PDB file of N, CA and C in Angstrom:
ATOM      1  N   MET A   1      87.208  52.189 178.669  1.00  0.00           N
ATOM      2  CA  MET A   1      88.396  51.700 179.317  1.00  0.00           C
ATOM      3  C   MET A   1      88.152  50.257 179.771  1.00  0.00           C
ATOM      4  N   THR A   2      89.050  49.387 179.429  1.00  0.00           N
ATOM      5  CA  THR A   2      88.928  47.981 179.789  1.00  0.00           C
ATOM      6  C   THR A   2      89.586  47.728 181.138  1.00  0.00           C
ATOM      7  N   LEU A   3      88.856  47.038 181.983  1.00  0.00           N
ATOM      8  CA  LEU A   3      89.414  46.690 183.293  1.00  0.00           C
ATOM      9  C   LEU A   3      90.397  45.537 183.142  1.00  0.00           C
ATOM     10  N   PRO A   4      91.430  45.504 183.988  1.00  0.00           N
ATOM     11  CA  PRO A   4      92.362  44.370 183.932  1.00  0.00           C
ATOM     12  C   PRO A   4      91.627  43.095 184.349  1.00  0.00           C
ATOM     13  N   PRO A   5      92.064  41.950 183.827  1.00  0.00           N
ATOM     14  CA  PRO A   5      91.389  40.705 184.212  1.00  0.00           C
ATOM     15  C   PRO A   5      91.568  40.438 185.703  1.00  0.00           C
ATOM     16  N   PRO A   6      90.567  39.830 186.326  1.00  0.00           N
ATOM     17  CA  PRO A   6      90.679  39.588 187.772  1.00  0.00           C
ATOM     18  C   PRO A   6      91.744  38.537 188.083  1.00  0.00           C
ATOM     19  N   ILE A   7      92.313  38.664 189.262  1.00  0.00           N
ATOM     20  CA  ILE A   7      93.281  37.684 189.752  1.00  0.00           C
ATOM     21  C   ILE A   7      92.526  36.744 190.691  1.00  0.00           C
ATOM     22  N   TYR A   8      92.779  35.458 190.528  1.00  0.00           N
ATOM     23  CA  TYR A   8      92.170  34.444 191.386  1.00  0.00           C
ATOM     24  C   TYR A   8      93.254  33.754 192.205  1.00  0.00           C
ATOM     25  N   ASP A   9      92.908  33.408 193.436  1.00  0.00           N
ATOM     26  CA  ASP A   9      93.738  32.568 194.292  1.00  0.00           C
ATOM     27  C   ASP A   9      93.086  31.198 194.359  1.00  0.00           C
ATOM     28  N   LEU A  10      93.859  30.168 194.105  1.00  0.00           N
ATOM     29  CA  LEU A  10      93.409  28.793 194.323  1.00  0.00           C
ATOM     30  C   LEU A  10      94.158  28.278 195.543  1.00  0.00           C
ATOM     31  N   ASN A  11      93.441  28.108 196.645  1.00  0.00           N
ATOM     32  CA  ASN A  11      94.018  27.519 197.848  1.00  0.00           C
ATOM     33  C   ASN A  11      93.741  26.027 197.776  1.00  0.00           C
ATOM     34  N   LEU A  12      94.793  25.245 197.754  1.00  0.00           N
ATOM     35  CA  LEU A  12      94.687  23.815 197.528  1.00  0.00           C
ATOM     36  C   LEU A  12      95.327  23.073 198.693  1.00  0.00           C
ATOM     37  N   LEU A  13      94.538  22.234 199.362  1.00  0.00           N
ATOM     38  CA  LEU A  13      95.030  21.415 200.462  1.00  0.00           C
ATOM     39  C   LEU A  13      95.071  19.972 199.984  1.00  0.00           C
ATOM     40  N   LEU A  14      96.258  19.391 199.989  1.00  0.00           N
ATOM     41  CA  LEU A  14      96.449  18.008 199.564  1.00  0.00           C
ATOM     42  C   LEU A  14      96.763  17.146 200.773  1.00  0.00           C
ATOM     43  N   GLU A  15      96.423  15.863 200.675  1.00  0.00           N
ATOM     44  CA  GLU A  15      96.730  14.937 201.765  1.00  0.00           C
ATOM     45  C   GLU A  15      98.229  14.959 202.040  1.00  0.00           C
ATOM     46  N   SER A  16      98.589  15.081 203.296  1.00  0.00           N
ATOM     47  CA  SER A  16     100.010  15.129 203.641  1.00  0.00           C
ATOM     48  C   SER A  16     100.678  13.767 203.467  1.00  0.00           C
ATOM     49  N   ALA A  17      99.899  12.685 203.457  1.00  0.00           N
ATOM     50  CA  ALA A  17     100.458  11.335 203.324  1.00  0.00           C
ATOM     51  C   ALA A  17     100.701  10.935 201.868  1.00  0.00           C
ATOM     52  N   LEU A  18     100.316  11.779 200.913  1.00  0.00           N
ATOM     53  CA  LEU A  18     100.536  11.463 199.500  1.00  0.00           C
ATOM     54  C   LEU A  18     102.028  11.379 199.207  1.00  0.00           C
ATOM     55  N   ASP A  19     102.389  10.458 198.306  1.00  0.00           N
ATOM     56  CA  ASP A  19     103.797  10.424 197.917  1.00  0.00           C
ATOM     57  C   ASP A  19     104.096  11.639 197.035  1.00  0.00           C
ATOM     58  N   GLU A  20     105.354  12.003 196.984  1.00  0.00           N
ATOM     59  CA  GLU A  20     105.777  13.227 196.293  1.00  0.00           C
ATOM     60  C   GLU A  20     105.389  13.215 194.812  1.00  0.00           C
ATOM     61  N   ASP A  21     105.476  12.057 194.149  1.00  0.00           N
ATOM     62  CA  ASP A  21     105.132  11.975 192.727  1.00  0.00           C
ATOM     63  C   ASP A  21     103.665  12.302 192.487  1.00  0.00           C
ATOM     64  N   ARG A  22     102.778  11.782 193.327  1.00  0.00           N
ATOM     65  CA  ARG A  22     101.337  12.042 193.170  1.00  0.00           C
ATOM     66  C   ARG A  22     101.032  13.514 193.429  1.00  0.00           C
ATOM     67  N   ARG A  23     101.654  14.086 194.454  1.00  0.00           N
ATOM     68  CA  ARG A  23     101.437  15.498 194.770  1.00  0.00           C
ATOM     69  C   ARG A  23     101.885  16.383 193.602  1.00  0.00           C
ATOM     70  N   GLU A  24     103.065  16.091 193.049  1.00  0.00           N
ATOM     71  CA  GLU A  24     103.570  16.872 191.920  1.00  0.00           C
ATOM     72  C   GLU A  24     102.682  16.715 190.686  1.00  0.00           C
ATOM     73  N   LYS A  25     102.111  15.515 190.473  1.00  0.00           N
ATOM     74  CA  LYS A  25     101.225  15.285 189.324  1.00  0.00           C
ATOM     75  C   LYS A  25      99.955  16.117 189.451  1.00  0.00           C
ATOM     76  N   ILE A  26      99.366  16.149 190.652  1.00  0.00           N
ATOM     77  CA  ILE A  26      98.156  16.958 190.861  1.00  0.00           C
ATOM     78  C   ILE A  26      98.451  18.424 190.582  1.00  0.00           C
ATOM     79  N   LEU A  27      99.552  18.939 191.137  1.00  0.00           N
ATOM     80  CA  LEU A  27      99.911  20.343 190.938  1.00  0.00           C
ATOM     81  C   LEU A  27     100.216  20.640 189.473  1.00  0.00           C
ATOM     82  N   ALA A  28     100.916  19.735 188.791  1.00  0.00           N
ATOM     83  CA  ALA A  28     101.237  19.929 187.378  1.00  0.00           C
ATOM     84  C   ALA A  28      99.969  19.938 186.536  1.00  0.00           C
ATOM     85  N   ASP A  29      99.020  19.057 186.840  1.00  0.00           N
ATOM     86  CA  ASP A  29      97.758  19.020 186.090  1.00  0.00           C
ATOM     87  C   ASP A  29      96.973  20.315 186.268  1.00  0.00           C
ATOM     88  N   VAL A  30      96.934  20.829 187.499  1.00  0.00           N
ATOM     89  CA  VAL A  30      96.223  22.086 187.766  1.00  0.00           C
ATOM     90  C   VAL A  30      96.897  23.233 187.020  1.00  0.00           C
ATOM     91  N   GLU A  31      98.224  23.300 187.091  1.00  0.00           N
ATOM     92  CA  GLU A  31      98.938  24.382 186.407  1.00  0.00           C
ATOM     93  C   GLU A  31      98.787  24.278 184.892  1.00  0.00           C
ATOM     94  N   THR A  32      98.733  23.075 184.344  1.00  0.00           N
ATOM     95  CA  THR A  32      98.530  22.893 182.906  1.00  0.00           C
ATOM     96  C   THR A  32      97.154  23.396 182.496  1.00  0.00           C
ATOM     97  N   MET A  33      96.128  23.082 183.290  1.00  0.00           N
ATOM     98  CA  MET A  33      94.780  23.588 182.996  1.00  0.00           C
ATOM     99  C   MET A  33      94.774  25.111 182.960  1.00  0.00           C
ATOM    100  N   ILE A  34      95.450  25.711 183.937  1.00  0.00           N
ATOM    101  CA  ILE A  34      95.475  27.171 184.024  1.00  0.00           C
ATOM    102  C   ILE A  34      96.222  27.762 182.831  1.00  0.00           C
ATOM    103  N   VAL A  35      97.372  27.219 182.490  1.00  0.00           N
ATOM    104  CA  VAL A  35      98.168  27.746 181.380  1.00  0.00           C
ATOM    105  C   VAL A  35      97.412  27.598 180.056  1.00  0.00           C
ATOM    106  N   ASN A  36      96.675  26.494 179.877  1.00  0.00           N
ATOM    107  CA  ASN A  36      95.941  26.260 178.634  1.00  0.00           C
ATOM    108  C   ASN A  36      94.760  27.205 178.452  1.00  0.00           C
ATOM    109  N   GLN A  37      94.157  27.676 179.553  1.00  0.00           N
ATOM    110  CA  GLN A  37      92.949  28.498 179.439  1.00  0.00           C
ATOM    111  C   GLN A  37      93.072  29.870 180.088  1.00  0.00           C
ATOM    112  N   GLY A  38      94.207  30.165 180.667  1.00  0.00           N
ATOM    113  CA  GLY A  38      94.371  31.444 181.353  1.00  0.00           C
ATOM    114  C   GLY A  38      95.832  31.810 181.436  1.00  0.00           C
ATOM    115  N   GLU A  39      96.200  32.448 182.539  1.00  0.00           N
ATOM    116  CA  GLU A  39      97.587  32.869 182.747  1.00  0.00           C
ATOM    117  C   GLU A  39      97.986  32.570 184.187  1.00  0.00           C
ATOM    118  N   LEU A  40      99.041  31.803 184.360  1.00  0.00           N
ATOM    119  CA  LEU A  40      99.566  31.464 185.680  1.00  0.00           C
ATOM    120  C   LEU A  40     100.428  32.625 186.175  1.00  0.00           C
ATOM    121  N   LEU A  41     100.110  33.146 187.351  1.00  0.00           N
ATOM    122  CA  LEU A  41     100.854  34.277 187.906  1.00  0.00           C
ATOM    123  C   LEU A  41     101.859  33.858 188.963  1.00  0.00           C
ATOM    124  N   GLY A  42     101.559  32.800 189.699  1.00  0.00           N
ATOM    125  CA  GLY A  42     102.480  32.360 190.736  1.00  0.00           C
ATOM    126  C   GLY A  42     101.999  31.095 191.404  1.00  0.00           C
ATOM    127  N   SER A  43     102.953  30.367 191.965  1.00  0.00           N
ATOM    128  CA  SER A  43     102.639  29.133 192.666  1.00  0.00           C
ATOM    129  C   SER A  43     103.485  29.088 193.936  1.00  0.00           C
ATOM    130  N   HIS A  44     102.832  28.876 195.070  1.00  0.00           N
ATOM    131  CA  HIS A  44     103.507  28.888 196.359  1.00  0.00           C
ATOM    132  C   HIS A  44     103.238  27.584 197.080  1.00  0.00           C
ATOM    133  N   ASP A  45     104.287  26.950 197.559  1.00  0.00           N
ATOM    134  CA  ASP A  45     104.175  25.733 198.354  1.00  0.00           C
ATOM    135  C   ASP A  45     104.443  26.114 199.796  1.00  0.00           C
ATOM    136  N   TRP A  46     103.418  26.026 200.640  1.00  0.00           N
ATOM    137  CA  TRP A  46     103.560  26.423 202.035  1.00  0.00           C
ATOM    138  C   TRP A  46     103.798  25.232 202.950  1.00  0.00           C
ATOM    139  N   GLY A  47     103.984  24.052 202.384  1.00  0.00           N
ATOM    140  CA  GLY A  47     104.343  22.880 203.165  1.00  0.00           C
ATOM    141  C   GLY A  47     103.184  22.277 203.945  1.00  0.00           C
ATOM    142  N   VAL A  48     103.525  21.296 204.754  1.00  0.00           N
ATOM    143  CA  VAL A  48     102.527  20.596 205.563  1.00  0.00           C
ATOM    144  C   VAL A  48     102.279  21.395 206.836  1.00  0.00           C
ATOM    145  N   ARG A  49     101.008  21.644 207.094  1.00  0.00           N
ATOM    146  CA  ARG A  49     100.604  22.418 208.269  1.00  0.00           C
ATOM    147  C   ARG A  49      99.365  21.779 208.884  1.00  0.00           C
ATOM    148  N   PRO A  50      99.181  21.957 210.176  1.00  0.00           N
ATOM    149  CA  PRO A  50      97.949  21.436 210.792  1.00  0.00           C
ATOM    150  C   PRO A  50      96.752  22.261 210.322  1.00  0.00           C
ATOM    151  N   THR A  51      95.619  21.604 210.174  1.00  0.00           N
ATOM    152  CA  THR A  51      94.391  22.315 209.828  1.00  0.00           C
ATOM    153  C   THR A  51      93.744  22.824 211.118  1.00  0.00           C
ATOM    154  N   ALA A  52      92.897  23.816 210.993  1.00  0.00           N
ATOM    155  CA  ALA A  52      92.234  24.374 212.173  1.00  0.00           C
ATOM    156  C   ALA A  52      91.305  23.344 212.811  1.00  0.00           C
ATOM    157  N   TYR A  53      90.764  22.459 212.007  1.00  0.00           N
ATOM    158  CA  TYR A  53      89.901  21.374 212.462  1.00  0.00           C
ATOM    159  C   TYR A  53      90.054  20.226 211.470  1.00  0.00           C
ATOM    160  N   GLU A  54      89.660  19.044 211.845  1.00  0.00           N
ATOM    161  CA  GLU A  54      89.802  17.905 210.946  1.00  0.00           C
ATOM    162  C   GLU A  54      88.928  18.087 209.715  1.00  0.00           C
ATOM    163  N   VAL A  55      89.531  17.877 208.561  1.00  0.00           N
ATOM    164  CA  VAL A  55      88.820  17.954 207.292  1.00  0.00           C
ATOM    165  C   VAL A  55      88.904  16.568 206.664  1.00  0.00           C
ATOM    166  N   ARG A  56      87.759  15.921 206.531  1.00  0.00           N
ATOM    167  CA  ARG A  56      87.719  14.556 205.996  1.00  0.00           C
ATOM    168  C   ARG A  56      88.682  13.643 206.750  1.00  0.00           C
ATOM    169  N   LYS A  57      88.680  13.766 208.055  1.00  0.00           N
ATOM    170  CA  LYS A  57      89.505  12.955 208.966  1.00  0.00           C
ATOM    171  C   LYS A  57      91.008  13.189 208.807  1.00  0.00           C
ATOM    172  N   HIS A  58      91.391  14.366 208.295  1.00  0.00           N
ATOM    173  CA  HIS A  58      92.801  14.736 208.181  1.00  0.00           C
ATOM    174  C   HIS A  58      93.077  15.897 209.137  1.00  0.00           C
ATOM    175  N   ALA A  59      94.066  15.725 210.008  1.00  0.00           N
ATOM    176  CA  ALA A  59      94.423  16.768 210.974  1.00  0.00           C
ATOM    177  C   ALA A  59      95.452  17.734 210.408  1.00  0.00           C
ATOM    178  N   ASP A  60      96.100  17.366 209.281  1.00  0.00           N
ATOM    179  CA  ASP A  60      97.048  18.264 208.627  1.00  0.00           C
ATOM    180  C   ASP A  60      96.934  18.082 207.125  1.00  0.00           C
ATOM    181  N   ALA A  61      97.533  19.012 206.393  1.00  0.00           N
ATOM    182  CA  ALA A  61      97.469  18.964 204.927  1.00  0.00           C
ATOM    183  C   ALA A  61      98.661  19.716 204.359  1.00  0.00           C
ATOM    184  N   SER A  62      98.955  19.430 203.107  1.00  0.00           N
ATOM    185  CA  SER A  62      99.996  20.144 202.375  1.00  0.00           C
ATOM    186  C   SER A  62      99.324  21.335 201.686  1.00  0.00           C
ATOM    187  N   TYR A  63      99.714  22.551 202.067  1.00  0.00           N
ATOM    188  CA  TYR A  63      99.067  23.772 201.588  1.00  0.00           C
ATOM    189  C   TYR A  63      99.780  24.307 200.349  1.00  0.00           C
ATOM    190  N   HIS A  64      98.984  24.693 199.358  1.00  0.00           N
ATOM    191  CA  HIS A  64      99.504  25.284 198.123  1.00  0.00           C
ATOM    192  C   HIS A  64      98.617  26.459 197.734  1.00  0.00           C
ATOM    193  N   LEU A  65      99.237  27.513 197.234  1.00  0.00           N
ATOM    194  CA  LEU A  65      98.512  28.684 196.732  1.00  0.00           C
ATOM    195  C   LEU A  65      98.945  28.906 195.294  1.00  0.00           C
ATOM    196  N   ILE A  66      97.969  28.959 194.392  1.00  0.00           N
ATOM    197  CA  ILE A  66      98.245  29.207 192.979  1.00  0.00           C
ATOM    198  C   ILE A  66      97.446  30.438 192.573  1.00  0.00           C
ATOM    199  N   GLN A  67      98.131  31.445 192.018  1.00  0.00           N
ATOM    200  CA  GLN A  67      97.460  32.665 191.559  1.00  0.00           C
ATOM    201  C   GLN A  67      97.427  32.669 190.041  1.00  0.00           C
ATOM    202  N   PHE A  68      96.281  33.115 189.492  1.00  0.00           N
ATOM    203  CA  PHE A  68      96.118  33.067 188.043  1.00  0.00           C
ATOM    204  C   PHE A  68      95.039  34.038 187.578  1.00  0.00           C
ATOM    205  N   HIS A  69      95.062  34.314 186.264  1.00  0.00           N
ATOM    206  CA  HIS A  69      93.974  34.989 185.562  1.00  0.00           C
ATOM    207  C   HIS A  69      93.215  33.894 184.826  1.00  0.00           C
ATOM    208  N   GLY A  70      91.896  33.998 184.760  1.00  0.00           N
ATOM    209  CA  GLY A  70      91.137  32.994 184.035  1.00  0.00           C
ATOM    210  C   GLY A  70      89.696  33.434 183.820  1.00  0.00           C
ATOM    211  N   ALA A  71      89.055  32.726 182.899  1.00  0.00           N
ATOM    212  CA  ALA A  71      87.658  32.985 182.553  1.00  0.00           C
ATOM    213  C   ALA A  71      86.768  31.960 183.262  1.00  0.00           C
ATOM    214  N   PRO A  72      85.455  32.184 183.274  1.00  0.00           N
ATOM    215  CA  PRO A  72      84.535  31.248 183.931  1.00  0.00           C
ATOM    216  C   PRO A  72      84.666  29.786 183.489  1.00  0.00           C
ATOM    217  N   PRO A  73      84.915  29.485 182.209  1.00  0.00           N
ATOM    218  CA  PRO A  73      85.075  28.053 181.863  1.00  0.00           C
ATOM    219  C   PRO A  73      86.254  27.387 182.585  1.00  0.00           C
ATOM    220  N   LEU A  74      87.335  28.127 182.811  1.00  0.00           N
ATOM    221  CA  LEU A  74      88.473  27.581 183.547  1.00  0.00           C
ATOM    222  C   LEU A  74      88.083  27.313 184.998  1.00  0.00           C
ATOM    223  N   LEU A  75      87.360  28.244 185.604  1.00  0.00           N
ATOM    224  CA  LEU A  75      86.932  28.072 186.987  1.00  0.00           C
ATOM    225  C   LEU A  75      86.030  26.844 187.127  1.00  0.00           C
ATOM    226  N   GLU A  76      85.134  26.660 186.154  1.00  0.00           N
ATOM    227  CA  GLU A  76      84.243  25.495 186.178  1.00  0.00           C
ATOM    228  C   GLU A  76      85.034  24.198 186.036  1.00  0.00           C
ATOM    229  N   GLU A  77      86.031  24.179 185.141  1.00  0.00           N
ATOM    230  CA  GLU A  77      86.832  22.979 184.946  1.00  0.00           C
ATOM    231  C   GLU A  77      87.666  22.665 186.188  1.00  0.00           C
ATOM    232  N   LEU A  78      88.260  23.679 186.799  1.00  0.00           N
ATOM    233  CA  LEU A  78      89.014  23.458 188.039  1.00  0.00           C
ATOM    234  C   LEU A  78      88.103  22.889 189.125  1.00  0.00           C
ATOM    235  N   ASN A  79      86.932  23.468 189.267  1.00  0.00           N
ATOM    236  CA  ASN A  79      85.976  23.021 190.280  1.00  0.00           C
ATOM    237  C   ASN A  79      85.596  21.556 190.052  1.00  0.00           C
ATOM    238  N   ARG A  80      85.270  21.205 188.828  1.00  0.00           N
ATOM    239  CA  ARG A  80      84.858  19.840 188.504  1.00  0.00           C
ATOM    240  C   ARG A  80      86.005  18.860 188.726  1.00  0.00           C
ATOM    241  N   THR A  81      87.181  19.202 188.240  1.00  0.00           N
ATOM    242  CA  THR A  81      88.329  18.297 188.326  1.00  0.00           C
ATOM    243  C   THR A  81      88.797  18.093 189.757  1.00  0.00           C
ATOM    244  N   LEU A  82      88.904  19.168 190.528  1.00  0.00           N
ATOM    245  CA  LEU A  82      89.413  19.049 191.891  1.00  0.00           C
ATOM    246  C   LEU A  82      88.438  18.323 192.825  1.00  0.00           C
ATOM    247  N   LYS A  83      87.122  18.394 192.516  1.00  0.00           N
ATOM    248  CA  LYS A  83      86.142  17.681 193.333  1.00  0.00           C
ATOM    249  C   LYS A  83      86.326  16.170 193.246  1.00  0.00           C
ATOM    250  N   ILE A  84      86.784  15.672 192.093  1.00  0.00           N
ATOM    251  CA  ILE A  84      86.880  14.221 191.909  1.00  0.00           C
ATOM    252  C   ILE A  84      88.309  13.692 191.971  1.00  0.00           C
ATOM    253  N   THR A  85      89.278  14.555 192.237  1.00  0.00           N
ATOM    254  CA  THR A  85      90.679  14.127 192.278  1.00  0.00           C
ATOM    255  C   THR A  85      91.006  13.539 193.646  1.00  0.00           C
ATOM    256  N   ASP A  86      91.470  12.294 193.647  1.00  0.00           N
ATOM    257  CA  ASP A  86      91.909  11.664 194.887  1.00  0.00           C
ATOM    258  C   ASP A  86      93.149  12.381 195.398  1.00  0.00           C
ATOM    259  N   GLY A  87      93.187  12.622 196.687  1.00  0.00           N
ATOM    260  CA  GLY A  87      94.334  13.290 197.300  1.00  0.00           C
ATOM    261  C   GLY A  87      94.062  14.746 197.624  1.00  0.00           C
ATOM    262  N   VAL A  88      92.993  15.325 197.066  1.00  0.00           N
ATOM    263  CA  VAL A  88      92.630  16.713 197.365  1.00  0.00           C
ATOM    264  C   VAL A  88      91.740  16.704 198.604  1.00  0.00           C
ATOM    265  N   VAL A  89      92.209  17.330 199.671  1.00  0.00           N
ATOM    266  CA  VAL A  89      91.442  17.403 200.912  1.00  0.00           C
ATOM    267  C   VAL A  89      90.398  18.507 200.800  1.00  0.00           C
ATOM    268  N   ARG A  90      90.820  19.669 200.318  1.00  0.00           N
ATOM    269  CA  ARG A  90      89.915  20.804 200.163  1.00  0.00           C
ATOM    270  C   ARG A  90      90.545  21.795 199.205  1.00  0.00           C
ATOM    271  N   PHE A  91      89.713  22.580 198.538  1.00  0.00           N
ATOM    272  CA  PHE A  91      90.208  23.652 197.674  1.00  0.00           C
ATOM    273  C   PHE A  91      89.211  24.792 197.699  1.00  0.00           C
ATOM    274  N   ARG A  92      89.693  25.970 197.377  1.00  0.00           N
ATOM    275  CA  ARG A  92      88.832  27.149 197.319  1.00  0.00           C
ATOM    276  C   ARG A  92      89.413  28.112 196.311  1.00  0.00           C
ATOM    277  N   VAL A  93      88.586  28.615 195.401  1.00  0.00           N
ATOM    278  CA  VAL A  93      89.000  29.640 194.446  1.00  0.00           C
ATOM    279  C   VAL A  93      88.395  30.959 194.910  1.00  0.00           C
ATOM    280  N   ILE A  94      89.250  31.966 195.037  1.00  0.00           N
ATOM    281  CA  ILE A  94      88.827  33.272 195.544  1.00  0.00           C
ATOM    282  C   ILE A  94      89.212  34.342 194.539  1.00  0.00           C
ATOM    283  N   LYS A  95      88.257  35.195 194.188  1.00  0.00           N
ATOM    284  CA  LYS A  95      88.532  36.332 193.296  1.00  0.00           C
ATOM    285  C   LYS A  95      89.042  37.482 194.159  1.00  0.00           C
ATOM    286  N   LEU A  96      90.241  37.952 193.834  1.00  0.00           N
ATOM    287  CA  LEU A  96      90.847  39.024 194.628  1.00  0.00           C
ATOM    288  C   LEU A  96      90.357  40.392 194.176  1.00  0.00           C
ATOM    289  N   LYS A  97      90.213  41.289 195.125  1.00  0.00           N
ATOM    290  CA  LYS A  97      89.869  42.668 194.810  1.00  0.00           C
ATOM    291  C   LYS A  97      91.117  43.376 194.304  1.00  0.00           C
ATOM    292  N   PRO A  98      90.963  44.353 193.403  1.00  0.00           N
ATOM    293  CA  PRO A  98      92.135  45.115 192.965  1.00  0.00           C
ATOM    294  C   PRO A  98      92.821  45.772 194.166  1.00  0.00           C
ATOM    295  N   GLY A  99      94.152  45.735 194.176  1.00  0.00           N
ATOM    296  CA  GLY A  99      94.916  46.336 195.255  1.00  0.00           C
ATOM    297  C   GLY A  99      95.212  45.388 196.403  1.00  0.00           C
ATOM    298  N   THR A 100      94.777  44.138 196.282  1.00  0.00           N
ATOM    299  CA  THR A 100      95.078  43.153 197.320  1.00  0.00           C
ATOM    300  C   THR A 100      96.586  42.922 197.353  1.00  0.00           C
ATOM    301  N   PRO A 101      97.193  42.922 198.540  1.00  0.00           N
ATOM    302  CA  PRO A 101      98.646  42.721 198.607  1.00  0.00           C
ATOM    303  C   PRO A 101      99.051  41.322 198.141  1.00  0.00           C
ATOM    304  N   ALA A 102     100.311  41.192 197.788  1.00  0.00           N
ATOM    305  CA  ALA A 102     100.853  39.910 197.344  1.00  0.00           C
ATOM    306  C   ALA A 102     100.798  38.910 198.493  1.00  0.00           C
ATOM    307  N   PRO A 103     100.762  37.613 198.171  1.00  0.00           N
ATOM    308  CA  PRO A 103     100.714  36.618 199.245  1.00  0.00           C
ATOM    309  C   PRO A 103     102.027  36.583 200.008  1.00  0.00           C
ATOM    310  N   PRO A 104     101.961  36.225 201.286  1.00  0.00           N
ATOM    311  CA  PRO A 104     103.201  36.122 202.059  1.00  0.00           C
ATOM    312  C   PRO A 104     103.990  34.913 201.615  1.00  0.00           C
ATOM    313  N   GLU A 105     105.290  35.001 201.790  1.00  0.00           N
ATOM    314  CA  GLU A 105     106.126  33.831 201.535  1.00  0.00           C
ATOM    315  C   GLU A 105     105.849  32.826 202.637  1.00  0.00           C
ATOM    316  N   GLN A 106     106.451  31.661 202.540  1.00  0.00           N
ATOM    317  CA  GLN A 106     106.187  30.617 203.527  1.00  0.00           C
ATOM    318  C   GLN A 106     106.519  31.127 204.916  1.00  0.00           C
ATOM    319  N   ARG A 107     105.588  30.910 205.807  1.00  0.00           N
ATOM    320  CA  ARG A 107     105.776  31.322 207.190  1.00  0.00           C
ATOM    321  C   ARG A 107     106.714  30.358 207.889  1.00  0.00           C
ATOM    322  N   PRO A 108     107.241  30.745 209.049  1.00  0.00           N
ATOM    323  CA  PRO A 108     108.082  29.811 209.795  1.00  0.00           C
ATOM    324  C   PRO A 108     107.292  28.552 210.140  1.00  0.00           C
ATOM    325  N   PRO A 109     107.969  27.427 210.342  1.00  0.00           N
ATOM    326  CA  PRO A 109     107.260  26.186 210.675  1.00  0.00           C
ATOM    327  C   PRO A 109     106.395  26.342 211.913  1.00  0.00           C
ATOM    328  N   PHE A 110     105.321  25.572 211.936  1.00  0.00           N
ATOM    329  CA  PHE A 110     104.385  25.586 213.057  1.00  0.00           C
ATOM    330  C   PHE A 110     105.087  25.121 214.321  1.00  0.00           C
ATOM    331  N   ALA A 111     104.909  25.846 215.417  1.00  0.00           N
ATOM    332  CA  ALA A 111     105.489  25.454 216.709  1.00  0.00           C
ATOM    333  C   ALA A 111     104.360  25.006 217.622  1.00  0.00           C
ATOM    334  N   ALA A 112     104.541  23.903 218.295  1.00  0.00           N
ATOM    335  CA  ALA A 112     103.528  23.398 219.216  1.00  0.00           C
ATOM    336  C   ALA A 112     103.381  24.366 220.385  1.00  0.00           C
ATOM    337  N   VAL A 113     102.221  24.359 220.989  1.00  0.00           N
ATOM    338  CA  VAL A 113     101.958  25.231 222.130  1.00  0.00           C
ATOM    339  C   VAL A 113     102.959  24.909 223.233  1.00  0.00           C
ATOM    340  N   GLY A 114     103.592  25.938 223.770  1.00  0.00           N
ATOM    341  CA  GLY A 114     104.551  25.764 224.850  1.00  0.00           C
ATOM    342  C   GLY A 114     105.983  25.595 224.366  1.00  0.00           C
ATOM    343  N   GLU A 115     106.171  25.406 223.043  1.00  0.00           N
ATOM    344  CA  GLU A 115     107.531  25.266 222.512  1.00  0.00           C
ATOM    345  C   GLU A 115     108.166  26.626 222.375  1.00  0.00           C
ATOM    346  N   ASP A 116     109.462  26.686 222.580  1.00  0.00           N
ATOM    347  CA  ASP A 116     110.221  27.913 222.407  1.00  0.00           C
ATOM    348  C   ASP A 116     110.436  28.122 220.905  1.00  0.00           C
ATOM    349  N   PRO A 117     109.922  29.214 220.298  1.00  0.00           N
ATOM    350  CA  PRO A 117     110.057  29.415 218.866  1.00  0.00           C
ATOM    351  C   PRO A 117     111.491  29.534 218.391  1.00  0.00           C
ATOM    352  N   SER A 118     112.435  29.854 219.296  1.00  0.00           N
ATOM    353  CA  SER A 118     113.833  29.968 218.889  1.00  0.00           C
ATOM    354  C   SER A 118     114.477  28.607 218.753  1.00  0.00           C
ATOM    355  N   GLY A 119     113.775  27.543 219.191  1.00  0.00           N
ATOM    356  CA  GLY A 119     114.304  26.190 219.063  1.00  0.00           C
ATOM    357  C   GLY A 119     115.227  25.776 220.183  1.00  0.00           C
ATOM    358  N   GLU A 120     115.364  26.602 221.202  1.00  0.00           N
ATOM    359  CA  GLU A 120     116.261  26.287 222.318  1.00  0.00           C
ATOM    360  C   GLU A 120     115.540  25.564 223.422  1.00  0.00           C
TER     361      GLU A 120
END
């Protein structure tokens, strides 16, 4: 019996100050790599959010989640390419265990401490 191919999550944090064209180019290049060597399952844009701590002197980042099937050569190419791409603050590829629930949709916008979440 053949096991289904593993699902990977690519968590990608891009500089929030990047212009929209550059951000879209980075995402399109990543998705093209995945489509050429694997299977793209989903792409989620979670918007600009504060980071838990400063990463490379950035207090916030544009969060993206890309789910895909792929082989080790694809993972190596993503790792190599994202390490040298300007505008990438941080990335992480995670192999999901079977039965892992689907990712949540975009959460409500971040509210500062002491702010009323209802907006009133």
